[in-house]
């Protein structure tokens, strides 16, 4: 195994992730004033109900509660 090869792959991976992050920031900034007109039920589908999501959220321990 060639460690230099894997280091080069890691640099490519980091570069791609940085470009993706920058693109997501650009898209979010572009859409920040758009109206969200899709109901939550349509976004998450029939797999979850609001009550199920709320119950799962209540189970999660938040760091600031410690």
PDB file of N, CA and C in Angstrom:
ATOM      1  N   UNK A   1       0.842  -1.185   0.000  1.00  0.00           N
ATOM      2  CA  UNK A   1       0.000   0.000   0.000  1.00  0.00           C
ATOM      3  C   UNK A   1       0.882   1.241   0.000  1.00  0.00           C
ATOM      4  N   UNK A   2       0.419   2.217  -0.729  1.00  0.00           N
ATOM      5  CA  UNK A   2       1.161   3.457  -0.865  1.00  0.00           C
ATOM      6  C   UNK A   2       0.467   4.552  -0.048  1.00  0.00           C
ATOM      7  N   UNK A   3       1.037   4.966   1.085  1.00  0.00           N
ATOM      8  CA  UNK A   3       0.394   5.989   1.916  1.00  0.00           C
ATOM      9  C   UNK A   3       0.210   7.315   1.182  1.00  0.00           C
ATOM     10  N   UNK A   4       1.106   7.635   0.286  1.00  0.00           N
ATOM     11  CA  UNK A   4       0.990   8.898  -0.462  1.00  0.00           C
ATOM     12  C   UNK A   4      -0.262   8.889  -1.332  1.00  0.00           C
ATOM     13  N   UNK A   5      -0.581   7.732  -1.897  1.00  0.00           N
ATOM     14  CA  UNK A   5      -1.789   7.606  -2.714  1.00  0.00           C
ATOM     15  C   UNK A   5      -3.028   7.897  -1.874  1.00  0.00           C
ATOM     16  N   UNK A   6      -3.094   7.325  -0.679  1.00  0.00           N
ATOM     17  CA  UNK A   6      -4.252   7.542   0.188  1.00  0.00           C
ATOM     18  C   UNK A   6      -4.307   8.976   0.703  1.00  0.00           C
ATOM     19  N   UNK A   7      -3.179   9.589   0.928  1.00  0.00           N
ATOM     20  CA  UNK A   7      -3.162  11.000   1.322  1.00  0.00           C
ATOM     21  C   UNK A   7      -3.685  11.874   0.185  1.00  0.00           C
ATOM     22  N   UNK A   8      -3.326  11.520  -1.052  1.00  0.00           N
ATOM     23  CA  UNK A   8      -3.837  12.271  -2.207  1.00  0.00           C
ATOM     24  C   UNK A   8      -5.348  12.092  -2.329  1.00  0.00           C
ATOM     25  N   UNK A   9      -5.827  10.872  -2.149  1.00  0.00           N
ATOM     26  CA  UNK A   9      -7.273  10.632  -2.179  1.00  0.00           C
ATOM     27  C   UNK A   9      -7.985  11.432  -1.099  1.00  0.00           C
ATOM     28  N   UNK A  10      -7.390  11.497   0.080  1.00  0.00           N
ATOM     29  CA  UNK A  10      -7.970  12.262   1.172  1.00  0.00           C
ATOM     30  C   UNK A  10      -8.052  13.745   0.812  1.00  0.00           C
ATOM     31  N   UNK A  11      -7.021  14.264   0.170  1.00  0.00           N
ATOM     32  CA  UNK A  11      -7.052  15.671  -0.249  1.00  0.00           C
ATOM     33  C   UNK A  11      -8.163  15.917  -1.277  1.00  0.00           C
ATOM     34  N   UNK A  12      -8.333  14.966  -2.221  1.00  0.00           N
ATOM     35  CA  UNK A  12      -9.436  15.088  -3.188  1.00  0.00           C
ATOM     36  C   UNK A  12     -10.777  15.074  -2.474  1.00  0.00           C
ATOM     37  N   UNK A  13     -10.936  14.153  -1.520  1.00  0.00           N
ATOM     38  CA  UNK A  13     -12.180  14.045  -0.760  1.00  0.00           C
ATOM     39  C   UNK A  13     -12.462  15.349  -0.018  1.00  0.00           C
ATOM     40  N   UNK A  14     -11.456  15.898   0.628  1.00  0.00           N
ATOM     41  CA  UNK A  14     -11.635  17.150   1.365  1.00  0.00           C
ATOM     42  C   UNK A  14     -11.991  18.294   0.429  1.00  0.00           C
ATOM     43  N   UNK A  15     -11.377  18.335  -0.763  1.00  0.00           N
ATOM     44  CA  UNK A  15     -11.679  19.386  -1.729  1.00  0.00           C
ATOM     45  C   UNK A  15     -13.117  19.275  -2.216  1.00  0.00           C
ATOM     46  N   UNK A  16     -13.565  18.056  -2.501  1.00  0.00           N
ATOM     47  CA  UNK A  16     -14.942  17.850  -2.953  1.00  0.00           C
ATOM     48  C   UNK A  16     -15.926  18.242  -1.854  1.00  0.00           C
ATOM     49  N   UNK A  17     -15.649  17.850  -0.617  1.00  0.00           N
ATOM     50  CA  UNK A  17     -16.532  18.211   0.492  1.00  0.00           C
ATOM     51  C   UNK A  17     -16.602  19.717   0.682  1.00  0.00           C
ATOM     52  N   UNK A  18     -15.476  20.403   0.523  1.00  0.00           N
ATOM     53  CA  UNK A  18     -15.467  21.858   0.668  1.00  0.00           C
ATOM     54  C   UNK A  18     -16.317  22.509  -0.427  1.00  0.00           C
ATOM     55  N   UNK A  19     -16.180  22.045  -1.652  1.00  0.00           N
ATOM     56  CA  UNK A  19     -16.974  22.597  -2.757  1.00  0.00           C
ATOM     57  C   UNK A  19     -18.453  22.334  -2.516  1.00  0.00           C
ATOM     58  N   UNK A  20     -18.790  21.136  -2.045  1.00  0.00           N
ATOM     59  CA  UNK A  20     -20.198  20.821  -1.757  1.00  0.00           C
ATOM     60  C   UNK A  20     -20.737  21.720  -0.646  1.00  0.00           C
ATOM     61  N   UNK A  21     -19.956  21.932   0.408  1.00  0.00           N
ATOM     62  CA  UNK A  21     -20.382  22.810   1.498  1.00  0.00           C
ATOM     63  C   UNK A  21     -20.612  24.229   0.994  1.00  0.00           C
ATOM     64  N   UNK A  22     -19.683  24.722   0.182  1.00  0.00           N
ATOM     65  CA  UNK A  22     -19.812  26.077  -0.356  1.00  0.00           C
ATOM     66  C   UNK A  22     -21.045  26.197  -1.251  1.00  0.00           C
ATOM     67  N   UNK A  23     -21.317  25.166  -2.038  1.00  0.00           N
ATOM     68  CA  UNK A  23     -22.497  25.190  -2.905  1.00  0.00           C
ATOM     69  C   UNK A  23     -23.775  25.167  -2.081  1.00  0.00           C
ATOM     70  N   UNK A  24     -23.796  24.384  -1.008  1.00  0.00           N
ATOM     71  CA  UNK A  24     -24.983  24.349  -0.154  1.00  0.00           C
ATOM     72  C   UNK A  24     -25.214  25.706   0.506  1.00  0.00           C
ATOM     73  N   UNK A  25     -24.155  26.356   0.946  1.00  0.00           N
ATOM     74  CA  UNK A  25     -24.285  27.690   1.541  1.00  0.00           C
ATOM     75  C   UNK A  25     -24.826  28.663   0.506  1.00  0.00           C
ATOM     76  N   UNK A  26     -24.340  28.561  -0.729  1.00  0.00           N
ATOM     77  CA  UNK A  26     -24.809  29.444  -1.807  1.00  0.00           C
ATOM     78  C   UNK A  26     -26.300  29.216  -2.069  1.00  0.00           C
ATOM     79  N   UNK A  27     -26.707  27.951  -2.147  1.00  0.00           N
ATOM     80  CA  UNK A  27     -28.113  27.634  -2.427  1.00  0.00           C
ATOM     81  C   UNK A  27     -29.001  28.118  -1.288  1.00  0.00           C
ATOM     82  N   UNK A  28     -28.578  27.896  -0.053  1.00  0.00           N
ATOM     83  CA  UNK A  28     -29.367  28.335   1.096  1.00  0.00           C
ATOM     84  C   UNK A  28     -29.507  29.857   1.096  1.00  0.00           C
ATOM     85  N   UNK A  29     -28.414  30.558   0.832  1.00  0.00           N
ATOM     86  CA  UNK A  29     -28.468  32.017   0.800  1.00  0.00           C
ATOM     87  C   UNK A  29     -29.400  32.497  -0.315  1.00  0.00           C
ATOM     88  N   UNK A  30     -29.375  31.793  -1.426  1.00  0.00           N
ATOM     89  CA  UNK A  30     -30.228  32.156  -2.562  1.00  0.00           C
ATOM     90  C   UNK A  30     -31.702  31.919  -2.246  1.00  0.00           C
ATOM     91  N   UNK A  31     -31.987  30.904  -1.451  1.00  0.00           N
ATOM     92  CA  UNK A  31     -33.378  30.532  -1.165  1.00  0.00           C
ATOM     93  C   UNK A  31     -33.888  31.026   0.181  1.00  0.00           C
ATOM     94  N   UNK A  32     -33.099  31.802   0.906  1.00  0.00           N
ATOM     95  CA  UNK A  32     -33.468  32.162   2.277  1.00  0.00           C
ATOM     96  C   UNK A  32     -34.801  32.875   2.393  1.00  0.00           C
ATOM     97  N   UNK A  33     -35.221  33.595   1.363  1.00  0.00           N
ATOM     98  CA  UNK A  33     -36.489  34.313   1.435  1.00  0.00           C
ATOM     99  C   UNK A  33     -37.635  33.581   0.748  1.00  0.00           C
ATOM    100  N   UNK A  34     -37.369  32.374   0.221  1.00  0.00           N
ATOM    101  CA  UNK A  34     -38.417  31.608  -0.436  1.00  0.00           C
ATOM    102  C   UNK A  34     -39.425  31.106   0.595  1.00  0.00           C
ATOM    103  N   UNK A  35     -40.650  30.989   0.168  1.00  0.00           N
ATOM    104  CA  UNK A  35     -41.714  30.488   1.029  1.00  0.00           C
ATOM    105  C   UNK A  35     -41.727  28.960   0.942  1.00  0.00           C
ATOM    106  N   UNK A  36     -41.777  28.329   2.092  1.00  0.00           N
ATOM    107  CA  UNK A  36     -41.886  26.873   2.137  1.00  0.00           C
ATOM    108  C   UNK A  36     -43.356  26.517   2.015  1.00  0.00           C
ATOM    109  N   UNK A  37     -43.772  26.121   0.830  1.00  0.00           N
ATOM    110  CA  UNK A  37     -45.195  25.866   0.595  1.00  0.00           C
ATOM    111  C   UNK A  37     -45.511  24.374   0.461  1.00  0.00           C
ATOM    112  N   UNK A  38     -44.583  23.531   0.870  1.00  0.00           N
ATOM    113  CA  UNK A  38     -44.822  22.088   0.856  1.00  0.00           C
ATOM    114  C   UNK A  38     -45.119  21.654   2.289  1.00  0.00           C
ATOM    115  N   UNK A  39     -46.234  21.006   2.510  1.00  0.00           N
ATOM    116  CA  UNK A  39     -46.560  20.567   3.876  1.00  0.00           C
ATOM    117  C   UNK A  39     -45.553  19.539   4.384  1.00  0.00           C
ATOM    118  N   UNK A  40     -45.293  19.552   5.683  1.00  0.00           N
ATOM    119  CA  UNK A  40     -44.340  18.642   6.299  1.00  0.00           C
ATOM    120  C   UNK A  40     -44.687  17.186   5.994  1.00  0.00           C
ATOM    121  N   UNK A  41     -45.965  16.853   5.983  1.00  0.00           N
ATOM    122  CA  UNK A  41     -46.394  15.483   5.704  1.00  0.00           C
ATOM    123  C   UNK A  41     -45.913  15.023   4.332  1.00  0.00           C
ATOM    124  N   UNK A  42     -45.905  15.940   3.366  1.00  0.00           N
ATOM    125  CA  UNK A  42     -45.456  15.589   2.018  1.00  0.00           C
ATOM    126  C   UNK A  42     -43.938  15.400   1.992  1.00  0.00           C
ATOM    127  N   UNK A  43     -43.226  16.164   2.789  1.00  0.00           N
ATOM    128  CA  UNK A  43     -41.765  16.068   2.810  1.00  0.00           C
ATOM    129  C   UNK A  43     -41.315  14.753   3.428  1.00  0.00           C
ATOM    130  N   UNK A  44     -41.888  14.377   4.561  1.00  0.00           N
ATOM    131  CA  UNK A  44     -41.437  13.163   5.248  1.00  0.00           C
ATOM    132  C   UNK A  44     -42.214  11.930   4.842  1.00  0.00           C
ATOM    133  N   UNK A  45     -43.284  12.087   4.126  1.00  0.00           N
ATOM    134  CA  UNK A  45     -44.038  10.938   3.648  1.00  0.00           C
ATOM    135  C   UNK A  45     -44.931  10.336   4.714  1.00  0.00           C
ATOM    136  N   UNK A  46     -45.419   9.152   4.420  1.00  0.00           N
ATOM    137  CA  UNK A  46     -46.363   8.476   5.315  1.00  0.00           C
ATOM    138  C   UNK A  46     -45.681   7.639   6.381  1.00  0.00           C
ATOM    139  N   UNK A  47     -44.354   7.579   6.347  1.00  0.00           N
ATOM    140  CA  UNK A  47     -43.627   6.718   7.273  1.00  0.00           C
ATOM    141  C   UNK A  47     -43.680   7.210   8.716  1.00  0.00           C
ATOM    142  N   UNK A  48     -43.873   8.505   8.923  1.00  0.00           N
ATOM    143  CA  UNK A  48     -43.835   9.079  10.270  1.00  0.00           C
ATOM    144  C   UNK A  48     -45.027   9.993  10.484  1.00  0.00           C
ATOM    145  N   UNK A  49     -45.505  10.004  11.692  1.00  0.00           N
ATOM    146  CA  UNK A  49     -46.514  10.983  12.069  1.00  0.00           C
ATOM    147  C   UNK A  49     -45.818  12.051  12.908  1.00  0.00           C
ATOM    148  N   UNK A  50     -46.442  13.188  13.050  1.00  0.00           N
ATOM    149  CA  UNK A  50     -45.866  14.252  13.866  1.00  0.00           C
ATOM    150  C   UNK A  50     -45.679  13.780  15.299  1.00  0.00           C
ATOM    151  N   UNK A  51     -46.647  13.040  15.814  1.00  0.00           N
ATOM    152  CA  UNK A  51     -46.547  12.550  17.193  1.00  0.00           C
ATOM    153  C   UNK A  51     -45.355  11.615  17.370  1.00  0.00           C
ATOM    154  N   UNK A  52     -45.084  10.762  16.384  1.00  0.00           N
ATOM    155  CA  UNK A  52     -43.933   9.862  16.462  1.00  0.00           C
ATOM    156  C   UNK A  52     -42.622  10.644  16.454  1.00  0.00           C
ATOM    157  N   UNK A  53     -42.556  11.653  15.599  1.00  0.00           N
ATOM    158  CA  UNK A  53     -41.349  12.484  15.536  1.00  0.00           C
ATOM    159  C   UNK A  53     -41.142  13.210  16.850  1.00  0.00           C
ATOM    160  N   UNK A  54     -42.208  13.784  17.390  1.00  0.00           N
ATOM    161  CA  UNK A  54     -42.124  14.499  18.667  1.00  0.00           C
ATOM    162  C   UNK A  54     -41.672  13.562  19.778  1.00  0.00           C
ATOM    163  N   UNK A  55     -42.209  12.349  19.813  1.00  0.00           N
ATOM    164  CA  UNK A  55     -41.835  11.386  20.847  1.00  0.00           C
ATOM    165  C   UNK A  55     -40.354  11.038  20.744  1.00  0.00           C
ATOM    166  N   UNK A  56     -39.854  10.872  19.527  1.00  0.00           N
ATOM    167  CA  UNK A  56     -38.429  10.566  19.345  1.00  0.00           C
ATOM    168  C   UNK A  56     -37.561  11.751  19.746  1.00  0.00           C
ATOM    169  N   UNK A  57     -38.006  12.963  19.437  1.00  0.00           N
ATOM    170  CA  UNK A  57     -37.243  14.158  19.813  1.00  0.00           C
ATOM    171  C   UNK A  57     -37.151  14.284  21.327  1.00  0.00           C
ATOM    172  N   UNK A  58     -38.233  13.911  22.022  1.00  0.00           N
ATOM    173  CA  UNK A  58     -38.234  13.993  23.481  1.00  0.00           C
ATOM    174  C   UNK A  58     -37.238  13.018  24.103  1.00  0.00           C
ATOM    175  N   UNK A  59     -36.921  11.927  23.385  1.00  0.00           N
ATOM    176  CA  UNK A  59     -35.973  10.936  23.890  1.00  0.00           C
ATOM    177  C   UNK A  59     -34.523  11.394  23.773  1.00  0.00           C
ATOM    178  N   UNK A  60     -34.274  12.324  22.890  1.00  0.00           N
ATOM    179  CA  UNK A  60     -32.898  12.769  22.629  1.00  0.00           C
ATOM    180  C   UNK A  60     -32.427  13.664  23.767  1.00  0.00           C
ATOM    181  N   UNK A  61     -31.255  13.361  24.321  1.00  0.00           N
ATOM    182  CA  UNK A  61     -30.668  14.201  25.367  1.00  0.00           C
ATOM    183  C   UNK A  61     -29.859  15.311  24.697  1.00  0.00           C
ATOM    184  N   UNK A  62     -30.169  16.521  25.064  1.00  0.00           N
ATOM    185  CA  UNK A  62     -29.434  17.658  24.512  1.00  0.00           C
ATOM    186  C   UNK A  62     -28.248  17.987  25.387  1.00  0.00           C
ATOM    187  N   UNK A  63     -27.146  18.405  24.757  1.00  0.00           N
ATOM    188  CA  UNK A  63     -25.932  18.712  25.487  1.00  0.00           C
ATOM    189  C   UNK A  63     -26.127  19.824  26.520  1.00  0.00           C
ATOM    190  N   UNK A  64     -26.958  20.824  26.194  1.00  0.00           N
ATOM    191  CA  UNK A  64     -27.097  21.951  27.127  1.00  0.00           C
ATOM    192  C   UNK A  64     -27.954  21.591  28.345  1.00  0.00           C
ATOM    193  N   UNK A  65     -28.572  20.442  28.357  1.00  0.00           N
ATOM    194  CA  UNK A  65     -29.368  20.050  29.514  1.00  0.00           C
ATOM    195  C   UNK A  65     -28.526  19.409  30.602  1.00  0.00           C
ATOM    196  N   UNK A  66     -27.264  19.140  30.329  1.00  0.00           N
ATOM    197  CA  UNK A  66     -26.414  18.476  31.321  1.00  0.00           C
ATOM    198  C   UNK A  66     -25.977  19.410  32.404  1.00  0.00           C
TER     199      UNK A  66
END
